[in-house]
Amino acid sequence: MFAPICEVLIGWIGMGDVGDDVGATLTFLGLVIALAYIAARIMLLVLAFNSLRSLPPGAYETVSWTNYILHL
């Protein structure tokens, strides 16, 4: 959640008058943060779809909505 904020801050600091070493370090740090963010998003997506493979038996039961919402 904090990665996009870090990317914006690194870009904002990098636009200033910084030396070549600091600029290269900020670029590397921004690349590492971006790759970690992308990897985390992909892992969350895979885990979400993976959890659909082993649903509990109650997930397949038909819900009788008239018991919960009386005006239906």
Protein backbone atom coordinates (compact mmCIF):
# COMPACT_ATOMS: atom_id res chain seq x y z
CA MET A 1 0.00 0.00 0.00
CA PHE A 2 2.89 2.33 0.67
CA ALA A 3 4.78 1.55 -2.57
CA PRO A 4 2.97 4.08 -4.82
CA ILE A 5 3.55 6.81 -2.25
CA CYS A 6 7.24 5.89 -2.12
CA GLU A 7 7.40 6.02 -5.91
CA VAL A 8 5.91 9.52 -5.95
CA LEU A 9 8.30 10.72 -3.24
CA ILE A 10 11.30 9.22 -5.03
CA GLY A 11 10.24 10.90 -8.29
CA TRP A 12 9.71 14.20 -6.50
CA ILE A 13 13.12 14.04 -4.82
CA GLY A 14 14.74 12.88 -8.06
CA MET A 15 13.44 15.92 -9.96
CA GLY A 16 15.48 18.18 -7.71
CA ASP A 17 19.14 18.97 -8.18
CA VAL A 18 20.73 15.80 -6.82
CA GLY A 19 24.07 14.27 -7.67
CA ASP A 20 24.59 11.38 -10.06
CA ASP A 21 25.16 8.89 -7.24
CA VAL A 22 22.00 9.91 -5.41
CA GLY A 23 20.00 9.87 -8.65
CA ALA A 24 21.23 6.37 -9.51
CA THR A 25 20.44 5.16 -6.00
CA LEU A 26 16.95 6.64 -6.16
CA THR A 27 16.36 5.06 -9.55
CA PHE A 28 17.48 1.66 -8.27
CA LEU A 29 15.37 2.02 -5.13
CA GLY A 30 12.34 3.00 -7.21
CA LEU A 31 12.85 -0.01 -9.47
CA VAL A 32 13.12 -2.39 -6.50
CA ILE A 33 10.00 -0.97 -4.88
CA ALA A 34 8.05 -1.15 -8.15
CA LEU A 35 9.05 -4.77 -8.76
CA ALA A 36 8.18 -5.76 -5.19
CA TYR A 37 4.80 -4.03 -5.55
CA ILE A 38 4.04 -5.84 -8.81
CA ALA A 39 5.11 -9.19 -7.33
CA ALA A 40 2.91 -8.66 -4.27
CA ARG A 41 -0.10 -7.76 -6.43
CA ILE A 42 0.37 -10.86 -8.58
CA MET A 43 0.71 -13.06 -5.49
CA LEU A 44 -2.51 -11.66 -4.03
CA LEU A 45 -4.33 -12.30 -7.29
CA VAL A 46 -3.03 -15.89 -7.47
CA LEU A 47 -3.95 -16.54 -3.84
CA ALA A 48 -7.47 -15.21 -4.37
CA PHE A 49 -8.09 -17.50 -7.34
CA ASN A 50 -6.33 -20.40 -5.62
CA SER A 51 -8.69 -20.13 -2.65
CA LEU A 52 -11.64 -20.67 -5.02
CA ARG A 53 -10.41 -24.22 -5.68
CA SER A 54 -11.15 -25.45 -2.17
CA LEU A 55 -14.44 -23.89 -1.13
CA PRO A 56 -16.31 -25.27 1.88
CA PRO A 57 -19.47 -27.30 1.17
CA GLY A 58 -21.66 -24.45 2.44
CA ALA A 59 -20.61 -22.33 -0.53
CA TYR A 60 -22.53 -24.62 -2.89
CA GLU A 61 -25.83 -24.49 -0.99
CA THR A 62 -28.70 -22.49 -2.48
CA VAL A 63 -29.67 -19.52 -0.36
CA SER A 64 -33.34 -19.00 0.30
CA TRP A 65 -33.42 -15.22 0.23
CA THR A 66 -37.02 -15.02 1.37
CA ASN A 67 -35.93 -16.19 4.83
CA TYR A 68 -33.54 -13.23 5.15
CA ILE A 69 -35.29 -10.48 3.18
CA LEU A 70 -38.98 -10.68 3.94
CA HIS A 71 -40.34 -8.48 1.15
CA LEU A 72 -39.02 -10.75 -1.63
